[in-house]
Full PDB file with SEQRES, HELIX, SHEET, SSBOND, CRYST1, ORIGX, SCALE, CONECT and MASTER records, all heavy atoms in Angstrom:
SEQRES   1 A   36  MET PHE ASN PHE LEU PRO ALA LYS SER GLU VAL GLU ILE          
SEQRES   2 A   36  ASP HIS VAL ARG PHE GLN ASN SER LEU GLN VAL ARG GLU          
SEQRES   3 A   36  SER THR ARG HIS VAL ILE ALA ASN ILE ASP                      
HELIX    1 AA1 ILE A   13  GLU A   26  1                                  14    
CRYST1    1.000    1.000    1.000  90.00  90.00  90.00 P 1           1          
ORIGX1      1.000000  0.000000  0.000000        0.00000                         
ORIGX2      0.000000  1.000000  0.000000        0.00000                         
ORIGX3      0.000000  0.000000  1.000000        0.00000                         
SCALE1      1.000000  0.000000  0.000000        0.00000                         
SCALE2      0.000000  1.000000  0.000000        0.00000                         
SCALE3      0.000000  0.000000  1.000000        0.00000                         
ATOM      1  N   MET A   1     230.137  47.126 162.733  1.00  0.00           N  
ATOM      2  CA  MET A   1     231.370  47.101 163.433  1.00  0.00           C  
ATOM      3  C   MET A   1     232.277  48.261 163.107  1.00  0.00           C  
ATOM      4  O   MET A   1     233.041  48.760 163.943  1.00  0.00           O  
ATOM      5  CB  MET A   1     232.094  45.710 163.172  1.00  0.00           C  
ATOM      6  CG  MET A   1     233.312  45.556 164.006  1.00  0.00           C  
ATOM      7  SD  MET A   1     233.933  43.819 163.803  1.00  0.00           S  
ATOM      8  CE  MET A   1     235.473  43.850 164.834  1.00  0.00           C  
ATOM      9  N   PHE A   2     232.198  48.724 161.821  1.00  0.00           N  
ATOM     10  CA  PHE A   2     233.110  49.814 161.361  1.00  0.00           C  
ATOM     11  C   PHE A   2     232.391  51.057 161.093  1.00  0.00           C  
ATOM     12  O   PHE A   2     232.890  51.921 160.282  1.00  0.00           O  
ATOM     13  CB  PHE A   2     233.874  49.289 160.111  1.00  0.00           C  
ATOM     14  CG  PHE A   2     234.781  48.157 160.374  1.00  0.00           C  
ATOM     15  CD1 PHE A   2     234.408  46.863 159.967  1.00  0.00           C  
ATOM     16  CD2 PHE A   2     235.973  48.291 161.047  1.00  0.00           C  
ATOM     17  CE1 PHE A   2     235.233  45.780 160.279  1.00  0.00           C  
ATOM     18  CE2 PHE A   2     236.823  47.251 161.286  1.00  0.00           C  
ATOM     19  CZ  PHE A   2     236.473  45.949 160.837  1.00  0.00           C  
ATOM     20  N   ASN A   3     231.229  51.231 161.671  1.00  0.00           N  
ATOM     21  CA  ASN A   3     230.448  52.474 161.389  1.00  0.00           C  
ATOM     22  C   ASN A   3     231.206  53.714 161.896  1.00  0.00           C  
ATOM     23  O   ASN A   3     230.913  54.834 161.315  1.00  0.00           O  
ATOM     24  CB  ASN A   3     229.090  52.405 162.067  1.00  0.00           C  
ATOM     25  CG  ASN A   3     228.138  53.522 161.656  1.00  0.00           C  
ATOM     26  OD1 ASN A   3     227.909  53.769 160.492  1.00  0.00           O  
ATOM     27  ND2 ASN A   3     227.643  54.208 162.673  1.00  0.00           N  
ATOM     28  N   PHE A   4     232.102  53.595 162.791  1.00  0.00           N  
ATOM     29  CA  PHE A   4     232.807  54.744 163.353  1.00  0.00           C  
ATOM     30  C   PHE A   4     233.807  55.285 162.384  1.00  0.00           C  
ATOM     31  O   PHE A   4     234.352  56.394 162.581  1.00  0.00           O  
ATOM     32  CB  PHE A   4     233.460  54.373 164.660  1.00  0.00           C  
ATOM     33  CG  PHE A   4     234.622  53.379 164.461  1.00  0.00           C  
ATOM     34  CD1 PHE A   4     235.882  53.839 164.284  1.00  0.00           C  
ATOM     35  CD2 PHE A   4     234.397  51.961 164.430  1.00  0.00           C  
ATOM     36  CE1 PHE A   4     236.934  52.918 164.169  1.00  0.00           C  
ATOM     37  CE2 PHE A   4     235.377  51.074 164.273  1.00  0.00           C  
ATOM     38  CZ  PHE A   4     236.706  51.564 164.096  1.00  0.00           C  
ATOM     39  N   LEU A   5     234.197  54.495 161.343  1.00  0.00           N  
ATOM     40  CA  LEU A   5     235.273  54.987 160.464  1.00  0.00           C  
ATOM     41  C   LEU A   5     234.836  56.141 159.667  1.00  0.00           C  
ATOM     42  O   LEU A   5     233.662  56.278 159.197  1.00  0.00           O  
ATOM     43  CB  LEU A   5     235.653  53.864 159.564  1.00  0.00           C  
ATOM     44  CG  LEU A   5     236.430  52.663 160.186  1.00  0.00           C  
ATOM     45  CD1 LEU A   5     236.680  51.583 159.082  1.00  0.00           C  
ATOM     46  CD2 LEU A   5     237.726  53.107 160.790  1.00  0.00           C  
ATOM     47  N   PRO A   6     235.740  57.124 159.371  1.00  0.00           N  
ATOM     48  CA  PRO A   6     235.465  58.249 158.497  1.00  0.00           C  
ATOM     49  C   PRO A   6     235.360  57.761 157.078  1.00  0.00           C  
ATOM     50  O   PRO A   6     235.866  56.718 156.686  1.00  0.00           O  
ATOM     51  CB  PRO A   6     236.610  59.170 158.717  1.00  0.00           C  
ATOM     52  CG  PRO A   6     237.765  58.337 159.076  1.00  0.00           C  
ATOM     53  CD  PRO A   6     237.123  57.246 159.958  1.00  0.00           C  
ATOM     54  N   ALA A   7     234.710  58.555 156.235  1.00  0.00           N  
ATOM     55  CA  ALA A   7     234.544  58.151 154.825  1.00  0.00           C  
ATOM     56  C   ALA A   7     235.886  58.223 154.038  1.00  0.00           C  
ATOM     57  O   ALA A   7     236.023  57.635 152.952  1.00  0.00           O  
ATOM     58  CB  ALA A   7     233.487  59.072 154.151  1.00  0.00           C  
ATOM     59  N   LYS A   8     236.800  59.036 154.563  1.00  0.00           N  
ATOM     60  CA  LYS A   8     238.096  59.169 153.941  1.00  0.00           C  
ATOM     61  C   LYS A   8     239.227  59.179 155.009  1.00  0.00           C  
ATOM     62  O   LYS A   8     239.030  59.829 156.059  1.00  0.00           O  
ATOM     63  CB  LYS A   8     238.113  60.410 153.069  1.00  0.00           C  
ATOM     64  CG  LYS A   8     239.448  60.690 152.365  1.00  0.00           C  
ATOM     65  CD  LYS A   8     239.342  61.944 151.543  1.00  0.00           C  
ATOM     66  CE  LYS A   8     240.642  62.251 150.787  1.00  0.00           C  
ATOM     67  NZ  LYS A   8     240.545  63.427 149.949  1.00  0.00           N  
ATOM     68  N   SER A   9     240.295  58.522 154.735  1.00  0.00           N  
ATOM     69  CA  SER A   9     241.359  58.451 155.732  1.00  0.00           C  
ATOM     70  C   SER A   9     242.694  58.381 155.068  1.00  0.00           C  
ATOM     71  O   SER A   9     242.867  57.620 154.087  1.00  0.00           O  
ATOM     72  CB  SER A   9     241.154  57.246 156.684  1.00  0.00           C  
ATOM     73  OG  SER A   9     242.147  57.148 157.604  1.00  0.00           O  
ATOM     74  N   GLU A  10     243.735  59.075 155.550  1.00  0.00           N  
ATOM     75  CA  GLU A  10     245.081  58.907 155.131  1.00  0.00           C  
ATOM     76  C   GLU A  10     245.732  57.780 155.918  1.00  0.00           C  
ATOM     77  O   GLU A  10     245.587  57.729 157.047  1.00  0.00           O  
ATOM     78  CB  GLU A  10     245.846  60.274 155.247  1.00  0.00           C  
ATOM     79  CG  GLU A  10     245.341  61.330 154.329  1.00  0.00           C  
ATOM     80  CD  GLU A  10     246.265  62.539 154.311  1.00  0.00           C  
ATOM     81  OE1 GLU A  10     247.355  62.474 155.006  1.00  0.00           O  
ATOM     82  OE2 GLU A  10     245.947  63.540 153.652  1.00  0.00           O  
ATOM     83  N   VAL A  11     246.528  56.959 155.213  1.00  0.00           N  
ATOM     84  CA  VAL A  11     247.005  55.779 155.924  1.00  0.00           C  
ATOM     85  C   VAL A  11     248.511  55.843 156.125  1.00  0.00           C  
ATOM     86  O   VAL A  11     249.206  56.596 155.477  1.00  0.00           O  
ATOM     87  CB  VAL A  11     246.741  54.467 155.002  1.00  0.00           C  
ATOM     88  CG1 VAL A  11     245.262  54.295 154.893  1.00  0.00           C  
ATOM     89  CG2 VAL A  11     247.421  54.618 153.657  1.00  0.00           C  
ATOM     90  N   GLU A  12     248.995  55.130 157.084  1.00  0.00           N  
ATOM     91  CA  GLU A  12     250.430  54.904 157.365  1.00  0.00           C  
ATOM     92  C   GLU A  12     250.948  53.790 156.573  1.00  0.00           C  
ATOM     93  O   GLU A  12     250.097  52.983 156.030  1.00  0.00           O  
ATOM     94  CB  GLU A  12     250.627  54.668 158.837  1.00  0.00           C  
ATOM     95  CG  GLU A  12     250.128  55.794 159.811  1.00  0.00           C  
ATOM     96  CD  GLU A  12     250.956  57.095 159.597  1.00  0.00           C  
ATOM     97  OE1 GLU A  12     252.072  57.051 159.169  1.00  0.00           O  
ATOM     98  OE2 GLU A  12     250.342  58.135 159.921  1.00  0.00           O  
ATOM     99  N   ILE A  13     252.251  53.597 156.480  1.00  0.00           N  
ATOM    100  CA  ILE A  13     252.798  52.638 155.642  1.00  0.00           C  
ATOM    101  C   ILE A  13     252.463  51.223 156.044  1.00  0.00           C  
ATOM    102  O   ILE A  13     252.370  50.301 155.242  1.00  0.00           O  
ATOM    103  CB  ILE A  13     254.322  52.778 155.511  1.00  0.00           C  
ATOM    104  CG1 ILE A  13     254.887  51.976 154.250  1.00  0.00           C  
ATOM    105  CG2 ILE A  13     255.077  52.437 156.778  1.00  0.00           C  
ATOM    106  CD1 ILE A  13     256.295  52.394 153.872  1.00  0.00           C  
ATOM    107  N   ASP A  14     252.267  50.997 157.348  1.00  0.00           N  
ATOM    108  CA  ASP A  14     251.850  49.640 157.799  1.00  0.00           C  
ATOM    109  C   ASP A  14     250.494  49.274 157.223  1.00  0.00           C  
ATOM    110  O   ASP A  14     250.370  48.015 156.894  1.00  0.00           O  
ATOM    111  CB  ASP A  14     251.748  49.615 159.322  1.00  0.00           C  
ATOM    112  CG  ASP A  14     253.135  49.607 160.020  1.00  0.00           C  
ATOM    113  OD1 ASP A  14     254.128  49.384 159.300  1.00  0.00           O  
ATOM    114  OD2 ASP A  14     253.161  49.822 161.255  1.00  0.00           O  
ATOM    115  N   HIS A  15     249.612  50.124 156.991  1.00  0.00           N  
ATOM    116  CA  HIS A  15     248.343  49.768 156.391  1.00  0.00           C  
ATOM    117  C   HIS A  15     248.552  49.444 154.915  1.00  0.00           C  
ATOM    118  O   HIS A  15     247.855  48.592 154.419  1.00  0.00           O  
ATOM    119  CB  HIS A  15     247.347  50.910 156.542  1.00  0.00           C  
ATOM    120  CG  HIS A  15     246.004  50.569 156.049  1.00  0.00           C  
ATOM    121  ND1 HIS A  15     245.028  49.877 156.736  1.00  0.00           N  
ATOM    122  CD2 HIS A  15     245.374  50.837 154.830  1.00  0.00           C  
ATOM    123  CE1 HIS A  15     243.977  49.706 156.037  1.00  0.00           C  
ATOM    124  NE2 HIS A  15     244.136  50.295 154.817  1.00  0.00           N  
ATOM    125  N   VAL A  16     249.423  50.198 154.268  1.00  0.00           N  
ATOM    126  CA  VAL A  16     249.708  49.879 152.811  1.00  0.00           C  
ATOM    127  C   VAL A  16     250.314  48.478 152.726  1.00  0.00           C  
ATOM    128  O   VAL A  16     249.925  47.689 151.830  1.00  0.00           O  
ATOM    129  CB  VAL A  16     250.689  50.931 152.227  1.00  0.00           C  
ATOM    130  CG1 VAL A  16     250.954  50.630 150.769  1.00  0.00           C  
ATOM    131  CG2 VAL A  16     250.068  52.357 152.340  1.00  0.00           C  
ATOM    132  N   ARG A  17     251.230  48.175 153.674  1.00  0.00           N  
ATOM    133  CA  ARG A  17     251.843  46.839 153.625  1.00  0.00           C  
ATOM    134  C   ARG A  17     250.763  45.768 153.802  1.00  0.00           C  
ATOM    135  O   ARG A  17     250.749  44.737 153.179  1.00  0.00           O  
ATOM    136  CB  ARG A  17     252.944  46.717 154.726  1.00  0.00           C  
ATOM    137  CG  ARG A  17     254.134  47.572 154.451  1.00  0.00           C  
ATOM    138  CD  ARG A  17     255.250  47.136 155.377  1.00  0.00           C  
ATOM    139  NE  ARG A  17     256.487  47.949 155.249  1.00  0.00           N  
ATOM    140  CZ  ARG A  17     256.815  48.887 156.071  1.00  0.00           C  
ATOM    141  NH1 ARG A  17     256.065  49.205 157.154  1.00  0.00           N  
ATOM    142  NH2 ARG A  17     257.904  49.630 155.891  1.00  0.00           N  
ATOM    143  N   PHE A  18     249.805  46.053 154.702  1.00  0.00           N  
ATOM    144  CA  PHE A  18     248.755  45.122 155.003  1.00  0.00           C  
ATOM    145  C   PHE A  18     247.895  44.869 153.798  1.00  0.00           C  
ATOM    146  O   PHE A  18     247.686  43.679 153.407  1.00  0.00           O  
ATOM    147  CB  PHE A  18     247.883  45.660 156.113  1.00  0.00           C  
ATOM    148  CG  PHE A  18     246.523  45.074 156.245  1.00  0.00           C  
ATOM    149  CD1 PHE A  18     246.360  43.752 156.602  1.00  0.00           C  
ATOM    150  CD2 PHE A  18     245.374  45.835 155.914  1.00  0.00           C  
ATOM    151  CE1 PHE A  18     245.059  43.218 156.748  1.00  0.00           C  
ATOM    152  CE2 PHE A  18     244.092  45.279 156.006  1.00  0.00           C  
ATOM    153  CZ  PHE A  18     243.937  43.945 156.390  1.00  0.00           C  
ATOM    154  N   GLN A  19     247.472  45.931 153.156  1.00  0.00           N  
ATOM    155  CA  GLN A  19     246.627  45.746 151.886  1.00  0.00           C  
ATOM    156  C   GLN A  19     247.438  45.034 150.833  1.00  0.00           C  
ATOM    157  O   GLN A  19     246.975  44.169 150.083  1.00  0.00           O  
ATOM    158  CB  GLN A  19     246.156  47.115 151.377  1.00  0.00           C  
ATOM    159  CG  GLN A  19     245.020  47.722 152.215  1.00  0.00           C  
ATOM    160  CD  GLN A  19     244.151  48.654 151.343  1.00  0.00           C  
ATOM    161  OE1 GLN A  19     243.916  48.437 150.189  1.00  0.00           O  
ATOM    162  NE2 GLN A  19     243.766  49.772 151.974  1.00  0.00           N  
ATOM    163  N   ASN A  20     248.721  45.341 150.649  1.00  0.00           N  
ATOM    164  CA  ASN A  20     249.538  44.700 149.636  1.00  0.00           C  
ATOM    165  C   ASN A  20     249.754  43.247 149.932  1.00  0.00           C  
ATOM    166  O   ASN A  20     249.763  42.404 149.027  1.00  0.00           O  
ATOM    167  CB  ASN A  20     250.885  45.426 149.469  1.00  0.00           C  
ATOM    168  CG  ASN A  20     250.792  46.757 148.836  1.00  0.00           C  
ATOM    169  OD1 ASN A  20     249.708  47.134 148.257  1.00  0.00           O  
ATOM    170  ND2 ASN A  20     251.847  47.583 148.870  1.00  0.00           N  
ATOM    171  N   SER A  21     249.903  42.902 151.210  1.00  0.00           N  
ATOM    172  CA  SER A  21     249.968  41.460 151.572  1.00  0.00           C  
ATOM    173  C   SER A  21     248.825  40.692 151.199  1.00  0.00           C  
ATOM    174  O   SER A  21     248.847  39.552 150.816  1.00  0.00           O  
ATOM    175  CB  SER A  21     250.308  41.311 153.053  1.00  0.00           C  
ATOM    176  OG  SER A  21     249.211  41.616 153.883  1.00  0.00           O  
ATOM    177  N   LEU A  22     247.590  41.329 151.278  1.00  0.00           N  
ATOM    178  CA  LEU A  22     246.342  40.626 150.855  1.00  0.00           C  
ATOM    179  C   LEU A  22     246.388  40.374 149.364  1.00  0.00           C  
ATOM    180  O   LEU A  22     245.895  39.391 148.896  1.00  0.00           O  
ATOM    181  CB  LEU A  22     245.122  41.515 151.226  1.00  0.00           C  
ATOM    182  CG  LEU A  22     244.881  41.741 152.671  1.00  0.00           C  
ATOM    183  CD1 LEU A  22     243.667  42.585 152.931  1.00  0.00           C  
ATOM    184  CD2 LEU A  22     244.720  40.367 153.460  1.00  0.00           C  
ATOM    185  N   GLN A  23     246.930  41.343 148.602  1.00  0.00           N  
ATOM    186  CA  GLN A  23     247.018  41.145 147.123  1.00  0.00           C  
ATOM    187  C   GLN A  23     247.929  39.958 146.792  1.00  0.00           C  
ATOM    188  O   GLN A  23     247.637  39.154 145.950  1.00  0.00           O  
ATOM    189  CB  GLN A  23     247.521  42.382 146.409  1.00  0.00           C  
ATOM    190  CG  GLN A  23     246.579  43.562 146.475  1.00  0.00           C  
ATOM    191  CD  GLN A  23     245.335  43.304 145.697  1.00  0.00           C  
ATOM    192  OE1 GLN A  23     245.310  42.623 144.660  1.00  0.00           O  
ATOM    193  NE2 GLN A  23     244.217  43.877 146.220  1.00  0.00           N  
ATOM    194  N   VAL A  24     249.073  39.842 147.582  1.00  0.00           N  
ATOM    195  CA  VAL A  24     249.939  38.665 147.362  1.00  0.00           C  
ATOM    196  C   VAL A  24     249.168  37.412 147.773  1.00  0.00           C  
ATOM    197  O   VAL A  24     249.262  36.404 146.984  1.00  0.00           O  
ATOM    198  CB  VAL A  24     251.198  38.825 148.188  1.00  0.00           C  
ATOM    199  CG1 VAL A  24     252.126  37.620 147.948  1.00  0.00           C  
ATOM    200  CG2 VAL A  24     251.924  40.131 147.837  1.00  0.00           C  
ATOM    201  N   ARG A  25     248.535  37.392 148.871  1.00  0.00           N  
ATOM    202  CA  ARG A  25     247.895  36.189 149.406  1.00  0.00           C  
ATOM    203  C   ARG A  25     246.756  35.737 148.473  1.00  0.00           C  
ATOM    204  O   ARG A  25     246.637  34.565 148.161  1.00  0.00           O  
ATOM    205  CB  ARG A  25     247.302  36.499 150.790  1.00  0.00           C  
ATOM    206  CG  ARG A  25     246.744  35.245 151.468  1.00  0.00           C  
ATOM    207  CD  ARG A  25     246.097  35.590 152.806  1.00  0.00           C  
ATOM    208  NE  ARG A  25     244.807  36.226 152.620  1.00  0.00           N  
ATOM    209  CZ  ARG A  25     244.114  36.778 153.571  1.00  0.00           C  
ATOM    210  NH1 ARG A  25     244.515  36.731 154.863  1.00  0.00           N  
ATOM    211  NH2 ARG A  25     242.919  37.251 153.365  1.00  0.00           N  
ATOM    212  N   GLU A  26     245.953  36.602 148.028  1.00  0.00           N  
ATOM    213  CA  GLU A  26     244.675  36.250 147.292  1.00  0.00           C  
ATOM    214  C   GLU A  26     244.852  36.138 145.793  1.00  0.00           C  
ATOM    215  O   GLU A  26     243.938  35.581 145.125  1.00  0.00           O  
ATOM    216  CB  GLU A  26     243.558  37.281 147.612  1.00  0.00           C  
ATOM    217  CG  GLU A  26     243.223  37.396 149.106  1.00  0.00           C  
ATOM    218  CD  GLU A  26     242.797  36.060 149.693  1.00  0.00           C  
ATOM    219  OE1 GLU A  26     241.936  35.395 149.021  1.00  0.00           O  
ATOM    220  OE2 GLU A  26     243.267  35.677 150.758  1.00  0.00           O  
ATOM    221  N   SER A  27     245.971  36.663 145.256  1.00  0.00           N  
ATOM    222  CA  SER A  27     246.197  36.500 143.824  1.00  0.00           C  
ATOM    223  C   SER A  27     246.320  35.064 143.418  1.00  0.00           C  
ATOM    224  O   SER A  27     246.787  34.197 144.231  1.00  0.00           O  
ATOM    225  CB  SER A  27     247.407  37.284 143.433  1.00  0.00           C  
ATOM    226  OG  SER A  27     248.547  36.862 144.124  1.00  0.00           O  
ATOM    227  N   THR A  28     246.065  34.745 142.144  1.00  0.00           N  
ATOM    228  CA  THR A  28     246.357  33.446 141.628  1.00  0.00           C  
ATOM    229  C   THR A  28     247.786  33.251 141.394  1.00  0.00           C  
ATOM    230  O   THR A  28     248.442  32.278 141.761  1.00  0.00           O  
ATOM    231  CB  THR A  28     245.547  33.189 140.290  1.00  0.00           C  
ATOM    232  OG1 THR A  28     244.132  33.341 140.589  1.00  0.00           O  
ATOM    233  CG2 THR A  28     245.793  31.773 139.817  1.00  0.00           C  
ATOM    234  N   ARG A  29     248.347  34.283 140.744  1.00  0.00           N  
ATOM    235  CA  ARG A  29     249.771  34.161 140.340  1.00  0.00           C  
ATOM    236  C   ARG A  29     250.565  35.545 140.382  1.00  0.00           C  
ATOM    237  O   ARG A  29     251.646  35.609 140.824  1.00  0.00           O  
ATOM    238  CB  ARG A  29     249.932  33.498 139.001  1.00  0.00           C  
ATOM    239  CG  ARG A  29     251.362  33.297 138.513  1.00  0.00           C  
ATOM    240  CD  ARG A  29     251.396  32.392 137.313  1.00  0.00           C  
ATOM    241  NE  ARG A  29     252.779  32.152 136.965  1.00  0.00           N  
ATOM    242  CZ  ARG A  29     253.179  31.188 136.068  1.00  0.00           C  
ATOM    243  NH1 ARG A  29     252.263  30.447 135.489  1.00  0.00           N  
ATOM    244  NH2 ARG A  29     254.460  31.011 135.830  1.00  0.00           N  
ATOM    245  N   HIS A  30     249.909  36.558 139.821  1.00  0.00           N  
ATOM    246  CA  HIS A  30     250.611  37.745 139.455  1.00  0.00           C  
ATOM    247  C   HIS A  30     250.142  38.928 140.334  1.00  0.00           C  
ATOM    248  O   HIS A  30     249.011  39.272 140.409  1.00  0.00           O  
ATOM    249  CB  HIS A  30     250.403  38.158 137.976  1.00  0.00           C  
ATOM    250  CG  HIS A  30     251.041  37.216 137.044  1.00  0.00           C  
ATOM    251  ND1 HIS A  30     250.368  36.643 135.950  1.00  0.00           N  
ATOM    252  CD2 HIS A  30     252.315  36.638 136.983  1.00  0.00           C  
ATOM    253  CE1 HIS A  30     251.194  35.813 135.277  1.00  0.00           C  
ATOM    254  NE2 HIS A  30     252.343  35.801 135.924  1.00  0.00           N  
ATOM    255  N   VAL A  31     251.140  39.622 140.981  1.00  0.00           N  
ATOM    256  CA  VAL A  31     250.997  40.853 141.639  1.00  0.00           C  
ATOM    257  C   VAL A  31     251.517  42.026 140.768  1.00  0.00           C  
ATOM    258  O   VAL A  31     252.542  41.799 140.133  1.00  0.00           O  
ATOM    259  CB  VAL A  31     251.716  40.855 143.010  1.00  0.00           C  
ATOM    260  CG1 VAL A  31     251.540  42.172 143.759  1.00  0.00           C  
ATOM    261  CG2 VAL A  31     251.270  39.715 143.838  1.00  0.00           C  
ATOM    262  N   ILE A  32     250.780  43.145 140.681  1.00  0.00           N  
ATOM    263  CA  ILE A  32     250.991  44.188 139.687  1.00  0.00           C  
ATOM    264  C   ILE A  32     251.211  45.502 140.397  1.00  0.00           C  
ATOM    265  O   ILE A  32     250.514  45.869 141.331  1.00  0.00           O  
ATOM    266  CB  ILE A  32     249.879  44.228 138.674  1.00  0.00           C  
ATOM    267  CG1 ILE A  32     249.699  42.903 137.954  1.00  0.00           C  
ATOM    268  CG2 ILE A  32     250.052  45.417 137.759  1.00  0.00           C  
ATOM    269  CD1 ILE A  32     248.337  42.733 137.310  1.00  0.00           C  
ATOM    270  N   ALA A  33     252.295  46.279 139.923  1.00  0.00           N  
ATOM    271  CA  ALA A  33     252.583  47.514 140.556  1.00  0.00           C  
ATOM    272  C   ALA A  33     253.231  48.461 139.570  1.00  0.00           C  
ATOM    273  O   ALA A  33     253.661  48.059 138.460  1.00  0.00           O  
ATOM    274  CB  ALA A  33     253.466  47.333 141.734  1.00  0.00           C  
ATOM    275  N   ASN A  34     253.352  49.709 139.962  1.00  0.00           N  
ATOM    276  CA  ASN A  34     254.017  50.757 139.128  1.00  0.00           C  
ATOM    277  C   ASN A  34     255.502  50.927 139.426  1.00  0.00           C  
ATOM    278  O   ASN A  34     256.169  51.712 138.867  1.00  0.00           O  
ATOM    279  CB  ASN A  34     253.267  52.077 139.317  1.00  0.00           C  
ATOM    280  CG  ASN A  34     253.384  52.670 140.645  1.00  0.00           C  
ATOM    281  OD1 ASN A  34     253.572  51.932 141.626  1.00  0.00           O  
ATOM    282  ND2 ASN A  34     253.309  54.002 140.781  1.00  0.00           N  
ATOM    283  N   ILE A  35     255.970  50.082 140.375  1.00  0.00           N  
ATOM    284  CA  ILE A  35     257.433  50.081 140.652  1.00  0.00           C  
ATOM    285  C   ILE A  35     257.857  48.633 140.652  1.00  0.00           C  
ATOM    286  O   ILE A  35     257.078  47.671 140.740  1.00  0.00           O  
ATOM    287  CB  ILE A  35     257.698  50.681 142.029  1.00  0.00           C  
ATOM    288  CG1 ILE A  35     257.002  49.988 143.205  1.00  0.00           C  
ATOM    289  CG2 ILE A  35     257.286  52.187 142.079  1.00  0.00           C  
ATOM    290  CD1 ILE A  35     257.437  50.372 144.536  1.00  0.00           C  
ATOM    291  N   ASP A  36     259.257  48.430 140.644  1.00  0.00           N  
ATOM    292  CA  ASP A  36     259.758  47.046 140.517  1.00  0.00           C  
ATOM    293  C   ASP A  36     260.305  46.501 141.806  1.00  0.00           C  
ATOM    294  O   ASP A  36     261.109  45.586 141.804  1.00  0.00           O  
ATOM    295  CB  ASP A  36     260.837  47.029 139.415  1.00  0.00           C  
ATOM    296  CG  ASP A  36     262.036  47.917 139.730  1.00  0.00           C  
ATOM    297  OD1 ASP A  36     262.013  48.648 140.727  1.00  0.00           O  
ATOM    298  OD2 ASP A  36     263.002  47.905 138.920  1.00  0.00           O  
TER     299      ASP A  36                                                      
MASTER        0    0    0    1    0    0    0    6  298    1    0    3          
END                                                                             
């Protein structure tokens, strides 16, 4: 399904938010970052 994707891609902020929301959803308790 995703064979068309390039091996490397620069992302927009919406994609970063999407990935970060998965970390919040799937974590047991703690989300970790380099900013507060």
